[in-house]
């Protein structure tokens, strides 16, 4: 079960009644289920075809309870998106250490992100198949996450051994290749297997900075990790 950080008791489930728990714990458990439900419904139907009725049925709550938690479908979707984005950014930024080689930072950040997405297949779908097209707010949020990753890769660009200065767009291009690969795997129903493509992601992110031979070497290293 996907548990929101701060949930006082991850064992709370649909069979737990409001009489058994403090109101705050009940609300937190309901919110967790709704965020799971919106991700699962969007993974199955897409954002546009998902309705509040679908979400409340999947979450096993009443519509009135949903309305106490969220304004509408978009508000619910954005809450799930924000939750995932926060975890993805944490996975990426905690990989950084000033005493760690930047190629290792890229490897560790990519590995953390892939493991997180693999553990949350429905949320992976939400992130890479629905974010950009669901609503303008979702697209803005998606781009904010991309900017964080670009700033991380820009440090690699600054330390690149290549004699010819790399363009400022190098990070965006590197991420574009990684995004396309992730999206393809998720669309094919292989989100739970994403850690397997770590070598390809490492290669895509590093080849503009380190050149073909070194990027291949780092990819081969990632395949043995």
C-alpha atoms as a PDB file:
ATOM      1  CA  UNK A   1       0.000   0.000   0.000  1.00  0.00           C
ATOM      2  CA  UNK A   2       1.262   3.480  -0.860  1.00  0.00           C
ATOM      3  CA  UNK A   3       1.604   5.378   2.404  1.00  0.00           C
ATOM      4  CA  UNK A   4       1.748   9.138   2.655  1.00  0.00           C
ATOM      5  CA  UNK A   5       4.570  10.384   4.814  1.00  0.00           C
ATOM      6  CA  UNK A   6       3.248  11.159   8.237  1.00  0.00           C
ATOM      7  CA  UNK A   7       0.452   8.576   8.196  1.00  0.00           C
ATOM      8  CA  UNK A   8       0.200   7.706  11.903  1.00  0.00           C
ATOM      9  CA  UNK A   9      -0.584   4.072  11.214  1.00  0.00           C
ATOM     10  CA  UNK A  10       0.105   2.462   7.803  1.00  0.00           C
ATOM     11  CA  UNK A  11      -2.045  -0.521   8.801  1.00  0.00           C
ATOM     12  CA  UNK A  12      -5.238   1.536   8.632  1.00  0.00           C
ATOM     13  CA  UNK A  13      -7.427   0.059   5.897  1.00  0.00           C
ATOM     14  CA  UNK A  14     -10.957   0.099   4.545  1.00  0.00           C
ATOM     15  CA  UNK A  15     -12.249  -2.087   7.358  1.00  0.00           C
ATOM     16  CA  UNK A  16     -11.161   0.340  10.072  1.00  0.00           C
ATOM     17  CA  UNK A  17     -14.123   2.362  11.347  1.00  0.00           C
ATOM     18  CA  UNK A  18     -14.149   5.948  12.533  1.00  0.00           C
ATOM     19  CA  UNK A  19     -15.049   4.726  16.020  1.00  0.00           C
ATOM     20  CA  UNK A  20     -11.753   2.807  16.247  1.00  0.00           C
ATOM     21  CA  UNK A  21      -9.412   5.724  15.531  1.00  0.00           C
ATOM     22  CA  UNK A  22      -8.903   9.442  16.131  1.00  0.00           C
ATOM     23  CA  UNK A  23     -10.514  11.621  13.476  1.00  0.00           C
ATOM     24  CA  UNK A  24      -7.131  12.826  12.207  1.00  0.00           C
ATOM     25  CA  UNK A  25      -5.950   9.269  11.587  1.00  0.00           C
ATOM     26  CA  UNK A  26      -9.159   8.391   9.739  1.00  0.00           C
ATOM     27  CA  UNK A  27      -8.874  11.444   7.493  1.00  0.00           C
ATOM     28  CA  UNK A  28      -5.213  10.697   6.760  1.00  0.00           C
ATOM     29  CA  UNK A  29      -6.055   7.101   5.837  1.00  0.00           C
ATOM     30  CA  UNK A  30      -8.896   8.262   3.577  1.00  0.00           C
ATOM     31  CA  UNK A  31      -6.636  10.768   1.869  1.00  0.00           C
ATOM     32  CA  UNK A  32      -4.035   8.076   1.261  1.00  0.00           C
ATOM     33  CA  UNK A  33      -6.621   5.814  -0.359  1.00  0.00           C
ATOM     34  CA  UNK A  34      -7.946   8.602  -2.553  1.00  0.00           C
ATOM     35  CA  UNK A  35      -4.474   9.490  -3.834  1.00  0.00           C
ATOM     36  CA  UNK A  36      -3.841   5.840  -4.610  1.00  0.00           C
ATOM     37  CA  UNK A  37      -7.205   5.661  -6.316  1.00  0.00           C
ATOM     38  CA  UNK A  38      -6.713   8.678  -8.565  1.00  0.00           C
ATOM     39  CA  UNK A  39      -3.338   7.341  -9.696  1.00  0.00           C
ATOM     40  CA  UNK A  40      -4.780   3.885 -10.406  1.00  0.00           C
ATOM     41  CA  UNK A  41      -7.828   5.241 -12.239  1.00  0.00           C
ATOM     42  CA  UNK A  42      -5.714   7.545 -14.391  1.00  0.00           C
ATOM     43  CA  UNK A  43      -3.338   4.679 -15.168  1.00  0.00           C
ATOM     44  CA  UNK A  44      -6.291   2.614 -16.389  1.00  0.00           C
ATOM     45  CA  UNK A  45      -8.380   5.280 -18.145  1.00  0.00           C
ATOM     46  CA  UNK A  46      -6.270   8.392 -18.520  1.00  0.00           C
ATOM     47  CA  UNK A  47      -6.969  11.647 -16.725  1.00  0.00           C
ATOM     48  CA  UNK A  48      -9.652  12.898 -19.112  1.00  0.00           C
ATOM     49  CA  UNK A  49     -11.778   9.750 -18.831  1.00  0.00           C
ATOM     50  CA  UNK A  50     -11.415   9.463 -15.061  1.00  0.00           C
ATOM     51  CA  UNK A  51     -14.301  10.867 -13.024  1.00  0.00           C
ATOM     52  CA  UNK A  52     -14.803  11.593  -9.351  1.00  0.00           C
ATOM     53  CA  UNK A  53     -17.224   8.654  -9.316  1.00  0.00           C
ATOM     54  CA  UNK A  54     -14.433   6.346 -10.468  1.00  0.00           C
ATOM     55  CA  UNK A  55     -12.112   7.660  -7.777  1.00  0.00           C
ATOM     56  CA  UNK A  56     -14.537   7.366  -4.873  1.00  0.00           C
ATOM     57  CA  UNK A  57     -15.548   3.866  -5.935  1.00  0.00           C
ATOM     58  CA  UNK A  58     -11.912   2.757  -6.086  1.00  0.00           C
ATOM     59  CA  UNK A  59     -11.107   4.447  -2.769  1.00  0.00           C
ATOM     60  CA  UNK A  60     -14.253   3.013  -1.169  1.00  0.00           C
ATOM     61  CA  UNK A  61     -15.421   6.336   0.230  1.00  0.00           C
ATOM     62  CA  UNK A  62     -18.511   8.487  -0.270  1.00  0.00           C
ATOM     63  CA  UNK A  63     -18.612  11.464  -2.595  1.00  0.00           C
ATOM     64  CA  UNK A  64     -19.224  13.729   0.393  1.00  0.00           C
ATOM     65  CA  UNK A  65     -16.016  12.432   1.993  1.00  0.00           C
ATOM     66  CA  UNK A  66     -14.146  13.119  -1.238  1.00  0.00           C
ATOM     67  CA  UNK A  67     -15.489  16.675  -1.252  1.00  0.00           C
ATOM     68  CA  UNK A  68     -14.247  17.182   2.293  1.00  0.00           C
ATOM     69  CA  UNK A  69     -10.753  16.253   1.166  1.00  0.00           C
ATOM     70  CA  UNK A  70     -10.509  17.822  -2.302  1.00  0.00           C
ATOM     71  CA  UNK A  71     -12.259  20.546  -4.294  1.00  0.00           C
ATOM     72  CA  UNK A  72     -12.556  18.499  -7.474  1.00  0.00           C
ATOM     73  CA  UNK A  73     -10.826  15.919  -9.658  1.00  0.00           C
ATOM     74  CA  UNK A  74      -8.029  18.277 -10.651  1.00  0.00           C
ATOM     75  CA  UNK A  75      -7.305  19.197  -7.036  1.00  0.00           C
ATOM     76  CA  UNK A  76      -7.052  15.486  -6.198  1.00  0.00           C
ATOM     77  CA  UNK A  77      -4.829  14.781  -9.209  1.00  0.00           C
ATOM     78  CA  UNK A  78      -2.525  17.665  -8.328  1.00  0.00           C
ATOM     79  CA  UNK A  79      -2.229  16.438  -4.739  1.00  0.00           C
ATOM     80  CA  UNK A  80      -1.082  13.044  -6.022  1.00  0.00           C
ATOM     81  CA  UNK A  81       1.256  14.721  -8.506  1.00  0.00           C
ATOM     82  CA  UNK A  82       2.781  16.960  -5.838  1.00  0.00           C
ATOM     83  CA  UNK A  83       3.299  13.994  -3.539  1.00  0.00           C
ATOM     84  CA  UNK A  84       5.146  12.038  -6.212  1.00  0.00           C
ATOM     85  CA  UNK A  85       7.165  15.040  -7.377  1.00  0.00           C
ATOM     86  CA  UNK A  86       8.368  15.644  -3.839  1.00  0.00           C
ATOM     87  CA  UNK A  87       9.547  12.052  -3.553  1.00  0.00           C
ATOM     88  CA  UNK A  88      11.242  12.139  -6.960  1.00  0.00           C
ATOM     89  CA  UNK A  89      13.089  15.354  -6.158  1.00  0.00           C
ATOM     90  CA  UNK A  90      14.174  13.919  -2.822  1.00  0.00           C
ATOM     91  CA  UNK A  91      15.464  10.785  -4.555  1.00  0.00           C
ATOM     92  CA  UNK A  92      17.445  12.920  -7.006  1.00  0.00           C
ATOM     93  CA  UNK A  93      18.844  15.553  -4.655  1.00  0.00           C
ATOM     94  CA  UNK A  94      19.817  13.212  -1.827  1.00  0.00           C
ATOM     95  CA  UNK A  95      22.084  11.416  -4.286  1.00  0.00           C
ATOM     96  CA  UNK A  96      24.287  14.514  -4.355  1.00  0.00           C
ATOM     97  CA  UNK A  97      27.283  14.857  -2.101  1.00  0.00           C
ATOM     98  CA  UNK A  98      30.154  17.316  -2.600  1.00  0.00           C
ATOM     99  CA  UNK A  99      32.689  14.516  -2.086  1.00  0.00           C
ATOM    100  CA  UNK A 100      31.027  12.161  -4.581  1.00  0.00           C
ATOM    101  CA  UNK A 101      32.036  12.081  -8.283  1.00  0.00           C
ATOM    102  CA  UNK A 102      29.287  13.623 -10.374  1.00  0.00           C
ATOM    103  CA  UNK A 103      28.975  10.536 -12.563  1.00  0.00           C
ATOM    104  CA  UNK A 104      28.200   8.618  -9.382  1.00  0.00           C
ATOM    105  CA  UNK A 105      25.650  11.270  -8.435  1.00  0.00           C
ATOM    106  CA  UNK A 106      23.890  10.760 -11.770  1.00  0.00           C
ATOM    107  CA  UNK A 107      23.981   6.990 -11.336  1.00  0.00           C
ATOM    108  CA  UNK A 108      22.612   7.129  -7.783  1.00  0.00           C
ATOM    109  CA  UNK A 109      19.925   9.693  -8.643  1.00  0.00           C
ATOM    110  CA  UNK A 110      18.740   7.653 -11.627  1.00  0.00           C
ATOM    111  CA  UNK A 111      18.750   4.461  -9.577  1.00  0.00           C
ATOM    112  CA  UNK A 112      16.720   6.075  -6.786  1.00  0.00           C
ATOM    113  CA  UNK A 113      14.160   7.486  -9.201  1.00  0.00           C
ATOM    114  CA  UNK A 114      13.738   4.194 -11.063  1.00  0.00           C
ATOM    115  CA  UNK A 115      13.268   2.227  -7.833  1.00  0.00           C
ATOM    116  CA  UNK A 116      10.699   4.725  -6.581  1.00  0.00           C
ATOM    117  CA  UNK A 117       8.702   4.604  -9.816  1.00  0.00           C
ATOM    118  CA  UNK A 118       8.897   0.810  -9.942  1.00  0.00           C
ATOM    119  CA  UNK A 119       7.414   0.610  -6.459  1.00  0.00           C
ATOM    120  CA  UNK A 120       4.538   2.894  -7.529  1.00  0.00           C
ATOM    121  CA  UNK A 121       3.519   1.767 -11.051  1.00  0.00           C
ATOM    122  CA  UNK A 122       0.273   3.747 -11.095  1.00  0.00           C
ATOM    123  CA  UNK A 123       2.069   6.875  -9.938  1.00  0.00           C
ATOM    124  CA  UNK A 124       4.737   6.285 -12.582  1.00  0.00           C
ATOM    125  CA  UNK A 125       1.999   6.324 -15.189  1.00  0.00           C
ATOM    126  CA  UNK A 126       0.557   9.485 -13.702  1.00  0.00           C
ATOM    127  CA  UNK A 127       3.981  11.141 -13.854  1.00  0.00           C
ATOM    128  CA  UNK A 128       5.014  10.237 -17.377  1.00  0.00           C
ATOM    129  CA  UNK A 129       1.769   9.591 -19.248  1.00  0.00           C
ATOM    130  CA  UNK A 130      -0.654  12.093 -17.678  1.00  0.00           C
ATOM    131  CA  UNK A 131       1.346  14.978 -16.192  1.00  0.00           C
ATOM    132  CA  UNK A 132       2.006  16.850 -19.423  1.00  0.00           C
ATOM    133  CA  UNK A 133      -1.462  16.620 -20.901  1.00  0.00           C
ATOM    134  CA  UNK A 134      -3.848  16.516 -17.936  1.00  0.00           C
ATOM    135  CA  UNK A 135      -4.129  20.223 -17.122  1.00  0.00           C
ATOM    136  CA  UNK A 136      -1.986  23.390 -17.476  1.00  0.00           C
ATOM    137  CA  UNK A 137      -1.237  23.199 -13.747  1.00  0.00           C
ATOM    138  CA  UNK A 138       0.019  19.646 -14.121  1.00  0.00           C
ATOM    139  CA  UNK A 139       2.275  20.637 -17.012  1.00  0.00           C
ATOM    140  CA  UNK A 140       3.700  23.496 -14.950  1.00  0.00           C
ATOM    141  CA  UNK A 141       4.406  21.095 -12.100  1.00  0.00           C
ATOM    142  CA  UNK A 142       6.056  18.607 -14.461  1.00  0.00           C
ATOM    143  CA  UNK A 143       8.325  21.304 -15.829  1.00  0.00           C
ATOM    144  CA  UNK A 144       9.316  22.390 -12.317  1.00  0.00           C
ATOM    145  CA  UNK A 145      10.541  18.854 -11.665  1.00  0.00           C
ATOM    146  CA  UNK A 146      12.449  18.843 -14.952  1.00  0.00           C
ATOM    147  CA  UNK A 147      14.184  22.079 -13.934  1.00  0.00           C
ATOM    148  CA  UNK A 148      15.455  20.454 -10.742  1.00  0.00           C
ATOM    149  CA  UNK A 149      16.967  17.583 -12.723  1.00  0.00           C
ATOM    150  CA  UNK A 150      18.442  19.985 -15.266  1.00  0.00           C
ATOM    151  CA  UNK A 151      20.203  21.858 -12.471  1.00  0.00           C
ATOM    152  CA  UNK A 152      21.709  18.569 -11.309  1.00  0.00           C
ATOM    153  CA  UNK A 153      22.941  17.662 -14.785  1.00  0.00           C
ATOM    154  CA  UNK A 154      24.269  21.176 -15.333  1.00  0.00           C
ATOM    155  CA  UNK A 155      26.872  20.425 -12.690  1.00  0.00           C
ATOM    156  CA  UNK A 156      28.063  17.588 -14.907  1.00  0.00           C
ATOM    157  CA  UNK A 157      28.189  20.001 -17.839  1.00  0.00           C
ATOM    158  CA  UNK A 158      30.344  22.402 -15.830  1.00  0.00           C
ATOM    159  CA  UNK A 159      32.814  19.597 -15.041  1.00  0.00           C
ATOM    160  CA  UNK A 160      32.755  18.024 -18.496  1.00  0.00           C
ATOM    161  CA  UNK A 161      36.234  17.127 -19.839  1.00  0.00           C
ATOM    162  CA  UNK A 162      35.200  17.899 -23.410  1.00  0.00           C
ATOM    163  CA  UNK A 163      37.273  20.664 -24.971  1.00  0.00           C
ATOM    164  CA  UNK A 164      34.380  22.235 -26.862  1.00  0.00           C
ATOM    165  CA  UNK A 165      32.010  24.012 -24.462  1.00  0.00           C
ATOM    166  CA  UNK A 166      28.687  22.250 -24.280  1.00  0.00           C
ATOM    167  CA  UNK A 167      25.502  24.226 -25.005  1.00  0.00           C
ATOM    168  CA  UNK A 168      23.189  25.122 -22.143  1.00  0.00           C
ATOM    169  CA  UNK A 169      20.563  22.885 -23.756  1.00  0.00           C
ATOM    170  CA  UNK A 170      22.703  19.761 -23.215  1.00  0.00           C
ATOM    171  CA  UNK A 171      20.962  18.880 -19.948  1.00  0.00           C
ATOM    172  CA  UNK A 172      17.495  19.236 -21.481  1.00  0.00           C
ATOM    173  CA  UNK A 173      18.509  17.056 -24.394  1.00  0.00           C
ATOM    174  CA  UNK A 174      19.966  14.398 -22.100  1.00  0.00           C
ATOM    175  CA  UNK A 175      16.825  14.333 -20.011  1.00  0.00           C
ATOM    176  CA  UNK A 176      14.664  14.214 -23.123  1.00  0.00           C
ATOM    177  CA  UNK A 177      16.197  10.905 -24.127  1.00  0.00           C
ATOM    178  CA  UNK A 178      15.758   9.483 -20.630  1.00  0.00           C
ATOM    179  CA  UNK A 179      12.147  10.707 -20.492  1.00  0.00           C
ATOM    180  CA  UNK A 180      11.317   9.067 -23.807  1.00  0.00           C
ATOM    181  CA  UNK A 181      12.744   5.755 -22.628  1.00  0.00           C
ATOM    182  CA  UNK A 182      10.836   5.908 -19.344  1.00  0.00           C
ATOM    183  CA  UNK A 183       7.611   6.808 -21.077  1.00  0.00           C
ATOM    184  CA  UNK A 184       7.977   3.935 -23.522  1.00  0.00           C
ATOM    185  CA  UNK A 185       8.560   1.387 -20.749  1.00  0.00           C
ATOM    186  CA  UNK A 186       5.676   2.667 -18.633  1.00  0.00           C
ATOM    187  CA  UNK A 187       3.277   2.761 -21.594  1.00  0.00           C
ATOM    188  CA  UNK A 188       4.224  -0.842 -22.344  1.00  0.00           C
ATOM    189  CA  UNK A 189       3.189  -1.870 -18.832  1.00  0.00           C
ATOM    190  CA  UNK A 190       6.718  -2.425 -17.557  1.00  0.00           C
ATOM    191  CA  UNK A 191       6.812   0.229 -14.830  1.00  0.00           C
ATOM    192  CA  UNK A 192       7.604  -2.345 -12.146  1.00  0.00           C
ATOM    193  CA  UNK A 193      10.688  -3.363 -14.140  1.00  0.00           C
ATOM    194  CA  UNK A 194      12.162   0.125 -14.549  1.00  0.00           C
ATOM    195  CA  UNK A 195      15.347  -0.571 -12.525  1.00  0.00           C
ATOM    196  CA  UNK A 196      16.394  -2.866 -15.382  1.00  0.00           C
ATOM    197  CA  UNK A 197      16.898   0.118 -17.683  1.00  0.00           C
ATOM    198  CA  UNK A 198      19.323   1.902 -15.346  1.00  0.00           C
ATOM    199  CA  UNK A 199      22.264   1.393 -17.774  1.00  0.00           C
ATOM    200  CA  UNK A 200      20.299   3.003 -20.624  1.00  0.00           C
ATOM    201  CA  UNK A 201      19.246   5.931 -18.444  1.00  0.00           C
ATOM    202  CA  UNK A 202      22.810   6.487 -17.223  1.00  0.00           C
ATOM    203  CA  UNK A 203      24.064   6.387 -20.810  1.00  0.00           C
ATOM    204  CA  UNK A 204      21.412   8.840 -22.021  1.00  0.00           C
ATOM    205  CA  UNK A 205      22.188  11.312 -19.252  1.00  0.00           C
ATOM    206  CA  UNK A 206      25.983  11.160 -19.556  1.00  0.00           C
ATOM    207  CA  UNK A 207      26.751  10.785 -23.270  1.00  0.00           C
ATOM    208  CA  UNK A 208      26.406  14.515 -24.099  1.00  0.00           C
ATOM    209  CA  UNK A 209      28.910  15.357 -21.366  1.00  0.00           C
ATOM    210  CA  UNK A 210      31.424  12.537 -21.333  1.00  0.00           C
ATOM    211  CA  UNK A 211      31.342  11.308 -24.905  1.00  0.00           C
ATOM    212  CA  UNK A 212      30.401   7.912 -26.303  1.00  0.00           C
ATOM    213  CA  UNK A 213      33.178   5.744 -24.868  1.00  0.00           C
ATOM    214  CA  UNK A 214      32.985   6.980 -21.281  1.00  0.00           C
ATOM    215  CA  UNK A 215      29.162   6.979 -21.270  1.00  0.00           C
ATOM    216  CA  UNK A 216      29.222   3.367 -22.454  1.00  0.00           C
ATOM    217  CA  UNK A 217      31.716   2.509 -19.724  1.00  0.00           C
ATOM    218  CA  UNK A 218      29.467   4.065 -17.077  1.00  0.00           C
ATOM    219  CA  UNK A 219      26.446   2.259 -18.508  1.00  0.00           C
ATOM    220  CA  UNK A 220      28.297  -1.059 -18.353  1.00  0.00           C
ATOM    221  CA  UNK A 221      29.244  -0.291 -14.760  1.00  0.00           C
ATOM    222  CA  UNK A 222      25.599   0.411 -13.964  1.00  0.00           C
ATOM    223  CA  UNK A 223      24.548  -2.934 -15.441  1.00  0.00           C
ATOM    224  CA  UNK A 224      26.809  -4.733 -12.965  1.00  0.00           C
ATOM    225  CA  UNK A 225      25.653  -2.803  -9.913  1.00  0.00           C
END
